[in-house]
Amino acid sequence: MNIKERILLTIFLNFFIIITIFSCSKKVQTDITPLIQKEIMLNISGKDSTFAQILTKYDDKSIILIDIWASWCPDCIKGLDELKQIQSIYANKNIIYLMLSVDDNEQKWLKAINKFSIIGEHFRIKNGWKTSEFCNFLGVNWIPRYILINNKGKILHFDAIEAGDKNLVSAIEKNIQK
């Protein structure tokens, strides 16, 4: 391969790498859209509510920490200790812990809530992970996923995969009503 071919190959490879990086990047969402607000969630009694109806219940709270998880997910179960530390640090603060499961199996979901003593408001995303508009909108490609929103649906922090993520904790500190 001559020098000209090497230069062209290098340019092509660099261009390919740049295109790949930018095409794989996630759009950072800042607001819960009306379509997402219509997503059906099931509570532990099996009663369905839209995401908007769930948010309405917490109008008096300053922030909502959403944990998207599943009973079959080892990283989700491992992350519960970190989440419990966050809950302990911010006990008696104006924060709701909204636990949204992508479990298909209701019984395994309910068993995991009890087995691991998971504290929070529990709902199961009716359409699961792969067909949920909610998960698609948020670009959920890995769980657990932690998202911080205010009571109006404004996304304050997007895309944390650990409850102790320094940017997530910083967003909690910045937005919680003291």
N, C-alpha and C. Protein backbone atom coordinates (compact mmCIF):
# COMPACT_ATOMS: atom_id res chain seq x y z
N MET A 1 0.85 -1.17 0.00
CA MET A 1 0.00 0.00 0.00
C MET A 1 0.90 1.24 0.00
N ASN A 2 0.65 2.12 -0.95
CA ASN A 2 1.49 3.32 -1.03
C ASN A 2 1.00 4.39 -0.04
N ILE A 3 1.74 5.47 0.07
CA ILE A 3 1.47 6.52 1.04
C ILE A 3 0.10 7.18 0.81
N LYS A 4 -0.26 7.38 -0.46
CA LYS A 4 -1.54 7.99 -0.79
C LYS A 4 -2.69 7.09 -0.33
N GLU A 5 -2.58 5.80 -0.55
CA GLU A 5 -3.61 4.86 -0.12
C GLU A 5 -3.72 4.81 1.41
N ARG A 6 -2.59 4.89 2.10
CA ARG A 6 -2.58 4.90 3.57
C ARG A 6 -3.29 6.14 4.12
N ILE A 7 -3.01 7.28 3.48
CA ILE A 7 -3.64 8.54 3.93
C ILE A 7 -5.16 8.45 3.71
N LEU A 8 -5.58 7.98 2.54
CA LEU A 8 -7.01 7.84 2.26
C LEU A 8 -7.67 6.87 3.23
N LEU A 9 -7.00 5.77 3.52
CA LEU A 9 -7.52 4.78 4.45
C LEU A 9 -7.65 5.38 5.86
N THR A 10 -6.64 6.12 6.28
CA THR A 10 -6.67 6.78 7.59
C THR A 10 -7.81 7.78 7.68
N ILE A 11 -7.98 8.58 6.65
CA ILE A 11 -9.08 9.55 6.62
C ILE A 11 -10.42 8.82 6.69
N PHE A 12 -10.57 7.77 5.89
CA PHE A 12 -11.82 7.00 5.89
C PHE A 12 -12.09 6.40 7.26
N LEU A 13 -11.10 5.80 7.89
CA LEU A 13 -11.29 5.19 9.20
C LEU A 13 -11.65 6.23 10.26
N ASN A 14 -10.98 7.36 10.24
CA ASN A 14 -11.29 8.43 11.19
C ASN A 14 -12.72 8.95 10.97
N PHE A 15 -13.10 9.13 9.73
CA PHE A 15 -14.46 9.56 9.42
C PHE A 15 -15.48 8.54 9.93
N PHE A 16 -15.22 7.26 9.70
CA PHE A 16 -16.10 6.18 10.16
C PHE A 16 -16.22 6.19 11.69
N ILE A 17 -15.13 6.35 12.38
CA ILE A 17 -15.14 6.39 13.85
C ILE A 17 -15.96 7.57 14.35
N ILE A 18 -15.77 8.73 13.76
CA ILE A 18 -16.52 9.93 14.18
C ILE A 18 -18.02 9.74 13.93
N ILE A 19 -18.38 9.24 12.78
CA ILE A 19 -19.80 9.00 12.45
C ILE A 19 -20.39 7.98 13.43
N THR A 20 -19.67 6.94 13.73
CA THR A 20 -20.15 5.92 14.65
C THR A 20 -20.38 6.50 16.04
N ILE A 21 -19.46 7.28 16.53
CA ILE A 21 -19.59 7.88 17.86
C ILE A 21 -20.82 8.77 17.92
N PHE A 22 -20.99 9.65 16.93
CA PHE A 22 -22.12 10.58 16.96
C PHE A 22 -23.45 9.89 16.71
N SER A 23 -23.48 8.86 15.92
CA SER A 23 -24.75 8.19 15.66
C SER A 23 -25.19 7.33 16.82
N CYS A 24 -24.27 6.94 17.69
CA CYS A 24 -24.61 6.12 18.85
C CYS A 24 -24.91 6.94 20.09
N SER A 25 -24.68 8.23 20.02
CA SER A 25 -24.92 9.05 21.21
C SER A 25 -26.42 9.23 21.41
N LYS A 26 -26.82 9.28 22.68
CA LYS A 26 -28.20 9.41 23.06
C LYS A 26 -28.62 10.86 23.11
N LYS A 27 -29.83 11.12 22.71
CA LYS A 27 -30.37 12.46 22.88
C LYS A 27 -30.74 12.61 24.36
N VAL A 28 -30.28 13.67 24.97
CA VAL A 28 -30.59 13.92 26.37
C VAL A 28 -31.96 14.58 26.42
N GLN A 29 -32.90 13.89 27.04
CA GLN A 29 -34.26 14.41 27.14
C GLN A 29 -34.36 15.39 28.31
N THR A 30 -35.20 16.40 28.15
CA THR A 30 -35.36 17.40 29.21
C THR A 30 -36.79 17.49 29.73
N ASP A 31 -37.74 16.96 29.00
CA ASP A 31 -39.13 17.01 29.42
C ASP A 31 -39.82 15.68 29.14
N ILE A 32 -40.73 15.31 30.03
CA ILE A 32 -41.57 14.14 29.81
C ILE A 32 -42.65 14.57 28.82
N THR A 33 -42.69 13.95 27.67
CA THR A 33 -43.61 14.35 26.61
C THR A 33 -45.02 13.79 26.86
N PRO A 34 -46.03 14.37 26.20
CA PRO A 34 -47.41 13.86 26.35
C PRO A 34 -47.53 12.36 26.01
N LEU A 35 -46.80 11.91 25.01
CA LEU A 35 -46.86 10.48 24.64
C LEU A 35 -46.39 9.61 25.81
N ILE A 36 -45.33 10.02 26.45
CA ILE A 36 -44.79 9.26 27.58
C ILE A 36 -45.73 9.33 28.77
N GLN A 37 -46.38 10.47 28.93
CA GLN A 37 -47.33 10.62 30.04
C GLN A 37 -48.50 9.65 29.92
N LYS A 38 -48.76 9.16 28.70
CA LYS A 38 -49.87 8.22 28.48
C LYS A 38 -49.48 6.77 28.74
N GLU A 39 -48.20 6.51 28.95
CA GLU A 39 -47.73 5.13 29.18
C GLU A 39 -48.46 4.53 30.39
N ILE A 40 -48.93 3.30 30.23
CA ILE A 40 -49.67 2.63 31.30
C ILE A 40 -48.70 1.92 32.24
N MET A 41 -48.90 2.17 33.54
CA MET A 41 -48.14 1.53 34.60
C MET A 41 -49.13 0.78 35.49
N LEU A 42 -48.70 -0.34 36.03
CA LEU A 42 -49.54 -1.13 36.93
C LEU A 42 -48.98 -1.06 38.33
N ASN A 43 -49.84 -0.79 39.32
CA ASN A 43 -49.36 -0.77 40.71
C ASN A 43 -49.32 -2.19 41.26
N ILE A 44 -48.94 -2.34 42.51
CA ILE A 44 -48.78 -3.69 43.07
C ILE A 44 -50.10 -4.43 43.23
N SER A 45 -51.21 -3.70 43.14
CA SER A 45 -52.53 -4.34 43.18
C SER A 45 -53.03 -4.68 41.78
N GLY A 46 -52.27 -4.31 40.75
CA GLY A 46 -52.66 -4.58 39.37
C GLY A 46 -53.49 -3.48 38.74
N LYS A 47 -53.75 -2.41 39.48
CA LYS A 47 -54.53 -1.28 38.96
C LYS A 47 -53.64 -0.46 38.02
N ASP A 48 -54.20 -0.08 36.88
CA ASP A 48 -53.40 0.69 35.93
C ASP A 48 -53.62 2.19 36.09
N SER A 49 -52.53 2.91 35.80
CA SER A 49 -52.53 4.37 35.81
C SER A 49 -51.60 4.82 34.70
N THR A 50 -51.89 5.99 34.18
CA THR A 50 -50.93 6.55 33.22
C THR A 50 -49.79 7.18 34.02
N PHE A 51 -48.68 7.39 33.36
CA PHE A 51 -47.55 8.03 34.03
C PHE A 51 -47.94 9.42 34.49
N ALA A 52 -48.77 10.13 33.72
CA ALA A 52 -49.23 11.47 34.10
C ALA A 52 -50.04 11.40 35.40
N GLN A 53 -50.90 10.39 35.54
CA GLN A 53 -51.69 10.24 36.77
C GLN A 53 -50.78 9.98 37.97
N ILE A 54 -49.74 9.22 37.75
CA ILE A 54 -48.79 8.94 38.84
C ILE A 54 -48.10 10.24 39.25
N LEU A 55 -47.64 11.00 38.27
CA LEU A 55 -46.96 12.27 38.58
C LEU A 55 -47.89 13.22 39.35
N THR A 56 -49.16 13.24 38.99
CA THR A 56 -50.12 14.12 39.64
C THR A 56 -50.22 13.84 41.13
N LYS A 57 -50.02 12.59 41.52
CA LYS A 57 -50.08 12.23 42.94
C LYS A 57 -48.99 12.93 43.75
N TYR A 58 -47.94 13.37 43.09
CA TYR A 58 -46.77 13.91 43.79
C TYR A 58 -46.55 15.40 43.51
N ASP A 59 -47.61 16.11 43.22
CA ASP A 59 -47.50 17.56 42.97
C ASP A 59 -46.88 18.31 44.13
N ASP A 60 -47.03 17.79 45.34
CA ASP A 60 -46.51 18.49 46.52
C ASP A 60 -45.07 18.12 46.85
N LYS A 61 -44.48 17.24 46.08
CA LYS A 61 -43.09 16.84 46.32
C LYS A 61 -42.17 17.65 45.43
N SER A 62 -40.94 17.85 45.90
CA SER A 62 -40.02 18.66 45.11
C SER A 62 -39.42 17.88 43.95
N ILE A 63 -38.99 16.64 44.21
CA ILE A 63 -38.36 15.84 43.15
C ILE A 63 -38.77 14.37 43.25
N ILE A 64 -38.62 13.70 42.12
CA ILE A 64 -38.95 12.27 42.03
C ILE A 64 -37.74 11.56 41.44
N LEU A 65 -37.22 10.59 42.19
CA LEU A 65 -36.12 9.76 41.69
C LEU A 65 -36.73 8.48 41.15
N ILE A 66 -36.59 8.29 39.85
CA ILE A 66 -37.12 7.10 39.18
C ILE A 66 -36.01 6.07 39.06
N ASP A 67 -36.33 4.85 39.47
CA ASP A 67 -35.41 3.72 39.30
C ASP A 67 -36.10 2.74 38.37
N ILE A 68 -35.56 2.58 37.16
CA ILE A 68 -36.07 1.57 36.23
C ILE A 68 -35.25 0.31 36.47
N TRP A 69 -35.92 -0.77 36.84
CA TRP A 69 -35.23 -1.97 37.29
C TRP A 69 -36.04 -3.21 36.92
N ALA A 70 -35.51 -4.38 37.26
CA ALA A 70 -36.23 -5.66 37.10
C ALA A 70 -35.72 -6.66 38.13
N SER A 71 -36.58 -7.56 38.51
CA SER A 71 -36.24 -8.57 39.52
C SER A 71 -35.15 -9.53 39.02
N TRP A 72 -35.06 -9.72 37.72
CA TRP A 72 -34.10 -10.66 37.13
C TRP A 72 -32.75 -10.02 36.83
N CYS A 73 -32.61 -8.74 37.11
CA CYS A 73 -31.41 -7.98 36.74
C CYS A 73 -30.41 -7.95 37.90
N PRO A 74 -29.26 -8.63 37.78
CA PRO A 74 -28.28 -8.65 38.86
C PRO A 74 -27.73 -7.26 39.20
N ASP A 75 -27.53 -6.41 38.20
CA ASP A 75 -27.04 -5.06 38.46
C ASP A 75 -28.07 -4.23 39.22
N CYS A 76 -29.34 -4.48 38.94
CA CYS A 76 -30.41 -3.77 39.65
C CYS A 76 -30.43 -4.16 41.13
N ILE A 77 -30.32 -5.44 41.40
CA ILE A 77 -30.34 -5.93 42.78
C ILE A 77 -29.09 -5.43 43.51
N LYS A 78 -27.96 -5.49 42.85
CA LYS A 78 -26.70 -5.00 43.44
C LYS A 78 -26.81 -3.50 43.76
N GLY A 79 -27.47 -2.75 42.89
CA GLY A 79 -27.61 -1.31 43.07
C GLY A 79 -28.56 -0.89 44.18
N LEU A 80 -29.33 -1.83 44.72
CA LEU A 80 -30.28 -1.48 45.77
C LEU A 80 -29.60 -0.95 47.03
N ASP A 81 -28.42 -1.47 47.35
CA ASP A 81 -27.71 -0.97 48.53
C ASP A 81 -27.37 0.51 48.39
N GLU A 82 -26.91 0.90 47.21
CA GLU A 82 -26.60 2.32 46.96
C GLU A 82 -27.87 3.17 47.03
N LEU A 83 -28.96 2.63 46.47
CA LEU A 83 -30.23 3.36 46.51
C LEU A 83 -30.70 3.53 47.96
N LYS A 84 -30.55 2.50 48.76
CA LYS A 84 -30.95 2.58 50.17
C LYS A 84 -30.10 3.61 50.92
N GLN A 85 -28.83 3.75 50.55
CA GLN A 85 -27.98 4.80 51.15
C GLN A 85 -28.50 6.18 50.78
N ILE A 86 -28.89 6.37 49.53
CA ILE A 86 -29.47 7.64 49.09
C ILE A 86 -30.75 7.91 49.87
N GLN A 87 -31.59 6.89 50.01
CA GLN A 87 -32.84 7.04 50.75
C GLN A 87 -32.57 7.41 52.21
N SER A 88 -31.53 6.85 52.78
CA SER A 88 -31.17 7.15 54.17
C SER A 88 -30.66 8.59 54.31
N ILE A 89 -29.81 9.00 53.40
CA ILE A 89 -29.25 10.36 53.43
C ILE A 89 -30.35 11.40 53.30
N TYR A 90 -31.33 11.13 52.44
CA TYR A 90 -32.38 12.11 52.17
C TYR A 90 -33.71 11.74 52.84
N ALA A 91 -33.64 10.98 53.92
CA ALA A 91 -34.85 10.65 54.68
C ALA A 91 -35.49 11.95 55.16
N ASN A 92 -36.80 11.97 55.17
CA ASN A 92 -37.57 13.13 55.61
C ASN A 92 -37.39 14.36 54.73
N LYS A 93 -36.90 14.17 53.53
CA LYS A 93 -36.82 15.26 52.56
C LYS A 93 -37.99 15.11 51.60
N ASN A 94 -38.23 16.10 50.83
CA ASN A 94 -39.38 16.13 49.93
C ASN A 94 -39.06 15.42 48.61
N ILE A 95 -38.84 14.10 48.70
CA ILE A 95 -38.43 13.31 47.54
C ILE A 95 -39.25 12.02 47.50
N ILE A 96 -39.65 11.64 46.31
CA ILE A 96 -40.37 10.39 46.09
C ILE A 96 -39.45 9.44 45.34
N TYR A 97 -39.49 8.19 45.73
CA TYR A 97 -38.72 7.14 45.04
C TYR A 97 -39.72 6.32 44.24
N LEU A 98 -39.68 6.49 42.94
CA LEU A 98 -40.61 5.83 42.04
C LEU A 98 -39.91 4.66 41.38
N MET A 99 -40.28 3.47 41.78
CA MET A 99 -39.64 2.25 41.33
C MET A 99 -40.46 1.67 40.16
N LEU A 100 -39.91 1.79 38.95
CA LEU A 100 -40.61 1.32 37.76
C LEU A 100 -39.94 0.06 37.25
N SER A 101 -40.66 -1.03 37.33
CA SER A 101 -40.11 -2.32 36.92
C SER A 101 -40.47 -2.62 35.47
N VAL A 102 -39.54 -3.28 34.79
CA VAL A 102 -39.80 -3.75 33.43
C VAL A 102 -40.05 -5.26 33.42
N ASP A 103 -40.31 -5.82 34.60
CA ASP A 103 -40.61 -7.25 34.71
C ASP A 103 -41.83 -7.63 33.89
N ASP A 104 -41.76 -8.79 33.23
CA ASP A 104 -42.93 -9.36 32.57
C ASP A 104 -43.73 -10.21 33.55
N ASN A 105 -43.03 -10.78 34.52
CA ASN A 105 -43.65 -11.69 35.48
C ASN A 105 -44.03 -10.93 36.75
N GLU A 106 -45.33 -10.74 36.94
CA GLU A 106 -45.83 -9.98 38.08
C GLU A 106 -45.43 -10.62 39.41
N GLN A 107 -45.53 -11.93 39.52
CA GLN A 107 -45.22 -12.60 40.78
C GLN A 107 -43.75 -12.47 41.17
N LYS A 108 -42.85 -12.59 40.21
CA LYS A 108 -41.43 -12.42 40.50
C LYS A 108 -41.13 -10.99 40.91
N TRP A 109 -41.79 -10.03 40.28
CA TRP A 109 -41.64 -8.61 40.63
C TRP A 109 -42.07 -8.37 42.08
N LEU A 110 -43.27 -8.85 42.43
CA LEU A 110 -43.78 -8.66 43.80
C LEU A 110 -42.90 -9.37 44.83
N LYS A 111 -42.44 -10.57 44.49
CA LYS A 111 -41.56 -11.32 45.39
C LYS A 111 -40.26 -10.56 45.63
N ALA A 112 -39.68 -9.98 44.58
CA ALA A 112 -38.42 -9.23 44.71
C ALA A 112 -38.60 -7.99 45.58
N ILE A 113 -39.72 -7.30 45.45
CA ILE A 113 -39.99 -6.12 46.28
C ILE A 113 -39.93 -6.50 47.75
N ASN A 114 -40.56 -7.62 48.09
CA ASN A 114 -40.56 -8.08 49.49
C ASN A 114 -39.22 -8.66 49.92
N LYS A 115 -38.64 -9.49 49.08
CA LYS A 115 -37.38 -10.14 49.42
C LYS A 115 -36.27 -9.14 49.70
N PHE A 116 -36.20 -8.08 48.90
CA PHE A 116 -35.12 -7.10 49.04
C PHE A 116 -35.55 -5.84 49.80
N SER A 117 -36.77 -5.87 50.34
CA SER A 117 -37.31 -4.74 51.12
C SER A 117 -37.10 -3.42 50.38
N ILE A 118 -37.59 -3.38 49.16
CA ILE A 118 -37.41 -2.20 48.31
C ILE A 118 -38.43 -1.13 48.70
N ILE A 119 -37.90 0.00 49.11
CA ILE A 119 -38.74 1.11 49.57
C ILE A 119 -39.03 2.03 48.40
N GLY A 120 -40.28 2.44 48.28
CA GLY A 120 -40.67 3.39 47.24
C GLY A 120 -42.07 3.12 46.77
N GLU A 121 -42.47 3.90 45.79
CA GLU A 121 -43.76 3.72 45.13
C GLU A 121 -43.52 2.78 43.96
N HIS A 122 -44.23 1.65 43.96
CA HIS A 122 -43.94 0.59 42.99
C HIS A 122 -44.96 0.52 41.86
N PHE A 123 -44.43 0.50 40.64
CA PHE A 123 -45.24 0.32 39.45
C PHE A 123 -44.46 -0.56 38.48
N ARG A 124 -45.22 -1.26 37.66
CA ARG A 124 -44.64 -2.09 36.61
C ARG A 124 -45.06 -1.50 35.28
N ILE A 125 -44.10 -1.28 34.39
CA ILE A 125 -44.40 -0.74 33.07
C ILE A 125 -45.12 -1.84 32.28
N LYS A 126 -46.38 -1.58 31.97
CA LYS A 126 -47.23 -2.61 31.37
C LYS A 126 -46.64 -3.20 30.10
N ASN A 127 -46.05 -2.36 29.25
CA ASN A 127 -45.50 -2.85 27.98
C ASN A 127 -44.09 -3.41 28.11
N GLY A 128 -43.58 -3.50 29.34
CA GLY A 128 -42.24 -4.05 29.53
C GLY A 128 -41.16 -3.11 29.02
N TRP A 129 -40.01 -3.66 28.77
CA TRP A 129 -38.84 -2.86 28.40
C TRP A 129 -38.81 -2.57 26.91
N LYS A 130 -38.84 -3.59 26.11
CA LYS A 130 -38.55 -3.46 24.68
C LYS A 130 -39.66 -2.77 23.89
N THR A 131 -40.91 -2.87 24.34
CA THR A 131 -42.01 -2.27 23.57
C THR A 131 -42.60 -1.03 24.25
N SER A 132 -41.98 -0.59 25.31
CA SER A 132 -42.47 0.57 26.05
C SER A 132 -42.03 1.87 25.39
N GLU A 133 -42.99 2.74 25.12
CA GLU A 133 -42.67 4.09 24.62
C GLU A 133 -41.84 4.85 25.65
N PHE A 134 -42.15 4.61 26.92
CA PHE A 134 -41.44 5.27 28.02
C PHE A 134 -39.96 4.93 27.96
N CYS A 135 -39.64 3.64 27.90
CA CYS A 135 -38.23 3.21 27.85
C CYS A 135 -37.57 3.63 26.54
N ASN A 136 -38.31 3.56 25.45
CA ASN A 136 -37.77 3.98 24.16
C ASN A 136 -37.43 5.47 24.17
N PHE A 137 -38.33 6.29 24.69
CA PHE A 137 -38.12 7.73 24.76
C PHE A 137 -36.87 8.06 25.56
N LEU A 138 -36.67 7.34 26.66
CA LEU A 138 -35.53 7.59 27.52
C LEU A 138 -34.26 6.89 27.04
N GLY A 139 -34.38 6.11 25.99
CA GLY A 139 -33.20 5.42 25.46
C GLY A 139 -32.66 4.38 26.43
N VAL A 140 -33.56 3.71 27.13
CA VAL A 140 -33.12 2.73 28.12
C VAL A 140 -32.55 1.51 27.40
N ASN A 141 -31.23 1.38 27.47
CA ASN A 141 -30.57 0.24 26.86
C ASN A 141 -29.86 -0.60 27.92
N TRP A 142 -29.98 -0.19 29.16
CA TRP A 142 -29.36 -0.89 30.28
C TRP A 142 -30.14 -0.54 31.54
N ILE A 143 -30.29 -1.49 32.40
CA ILE A 143 -30.88 -1.22 33.71
C ILE A 143 -29.92 -1.70 34.77
N PRO A 144 -29.92 -1.11 35.93
CA PRO A 144 -30.86 -0.07 36.35
C PRO A 144 -30.58 1.25 35.65
N ARG A 145 -31.58 2.09 35.64
CA ARG A 145 -31.48 3.45 35.12
C ARG A 145 -32.14 4.36 36.14
N TYR A 146 -31.44 5.41 36.51
CA TYR A 146 -31.95 6.38 37.48
C TYR A 146 -32.15 7.71 36.78
N ILE A 147 -33.34 8.27 36.96
CA ILE A 147 -33.70 9.53 36.33
C ILE A 147 -34.32 10.41 37.41
N LEU A 148 -33.90 11.64 37.45
CA LEU A 148 -34.44 12.58 38.43
C LEU A 148 -35.31 13.59 37.70
N ILE A 149 -36.57 13.73 38.16
CA ILE A 149 -37.47 14.70 37.56
C ILE A 149 -38.09 15.55 38.67
N ASN A 150 -38.62 16.71 38.27
CA ASN A 150 -39.37 17.48 39.25
C ASN A 150 -40.84 17.09 39.14
N ASN A 151 -41.67 17.66 39.98
CA ASN A 151 -43.08 17.26 40.01
C ASN A 151 -43.88 17.75 38.80
N LYS A 152 -43.26 18.51 37.93
CA LYS A 152 -43.92 18.98 36.69
C LYS A 152 -43.47 18.17 35.47
N GLY A 153 -42.61 17.19 35.68
CA GLY A 153 -42.16 16.35 34.58
C GLY A 153 -40.90 16.85 33.89
N LYS A 154 -40.27 17.83 34.43
CA LYS A 154 -39.00 18.34 33.88
C LYS A 154 -37.89 17.39 34.30
N ILE A 155 -37.12 16.90 33.36
CA ILE A 155 -36.04 15.98 33.67
C ILE A 155 -34.85 16.78 34.18
N LEU A 156 -34.43 16.49 35.41
CA LEU A 156 -33.34 17.20 36.06
C LEU A 156 -32.00 16.48 35.87
N HIS A 157 -32.06 15.16 35.82
CA HIS A 157 -30.86 14.37 35.52
C HIS A 157 -31.29 13.13 34.75
N PHE A 158 -30.53 12.82 33.73
CA PHE A 158 -30.89 11.81 32.75
C PHE A 158 -29.76 10.80 32.65
N ASP A 159 -30.11 9.53 32.69
CA ASP A 159 -29.18 8.48 32.26
C ASP A 159 -28.13 8.03 33.26
N ALA A 160 -28.40 8.06 34.55
CA ALA A 160 -27.46 7.48 35.52
C ALA A 160 -27.72 5.98 35.60
N ILE A 161 -26.66 5.20 35.66
CA ILE A 161 -26.82 3.75 35.80
C ILE A 161 -26.43 3.27 37.20
N GLU A 162 -26.07 4.22 38.06
CA GLU A 162 -25.78 3.91 39.46
C GLU A 162 -26.48 4.95 40.33
N ALA A 163 -27.08 4.51 41.43
CA ALA A 163 -27.78 5.44 42.32
C ALA A 163 -26.82 6.45 42.93
N GLY A 164 -25.57 6.07 43.10
CA GLY A 164 -24.58 6.96 43.69
C GLY A 164 -23.83 7.82 42.68
N ASP A 165 -24.28 7.82 41.43
CA ASP A 165 -23.65 8.63 40.39
C ASP A 165 -23.49 10.06 40.90
N LYS A 166 -22.28 10.60 40.80
CA LYS A 166 -21.99 11.92 41.40
C LYS A 166 -22.84 13.01 40.78
N ASN A 167 -23.14 12.92 39.49
CA ASN A 167 -23.98 13.94 38.85
C ASN A 167 -25.44 13.82 39.29
N LEU A 168 -25.89 12.60 39.52
CA LEU A 168 -27.24 12.38 40.03
C LEU A 168 -27.37 12.95 41.44
N VAL A 169 -26.41 12.62 42.30
CA VAL A 169 -26.42 13.12 43.68
C VAL A 169 -26.35 14.65 43.70
N SER A 170 -25.54 15.20 42.84
CA SER A 170 -25.45 16.66 42.73
C SER A 170 -26.78 17.27 42.32
N ALA A 171 -27.47 16.64 41.37
CA ALA A 171 -28.78 17.13 40.93
C ALA A 171 -29.81 17.03 42.06
N ILE A 172 -29.74 15.97 42.86
CA ILE A 172 -30.63 15.85 44.02
C ILE A 172 -30.36 17.01 44.97
N GLU A 173 -29.10 17.21 45.31
CA GLU A 173 -28.72 18.30 46.22
C GLU A 173 -29.20 19.65 45.71
N LYS A 174 -29.03 19.88 44.45
CA LYS A 174 -29.36 21.18 43.86
C LYS A 174 -30.88 21.43 43.84
N ASN A 175 -31.66 20.37 43.69
CA ASN A 175 -33.10 20.53 43.44
C ASN A 175 -34.01 20.19 44.62
N ILE A 176 -33.48 19.56 45.63
CA ILE A 176 -34.33 19.18 46.75
C ILE A 176 -34.68 20.42 47.58
N GLN A 177 -35.91 20.44 48.03
CA GLN A 177 -36.32 21.55 48.91
C GLN A 177 -35.80 21.26 50.30
N LYS A 178 -34.97 22.11 50.78
CA LYS A 178 -34.34 21.91 52.09
C LYS A 178 -35.31 22.23 53.21
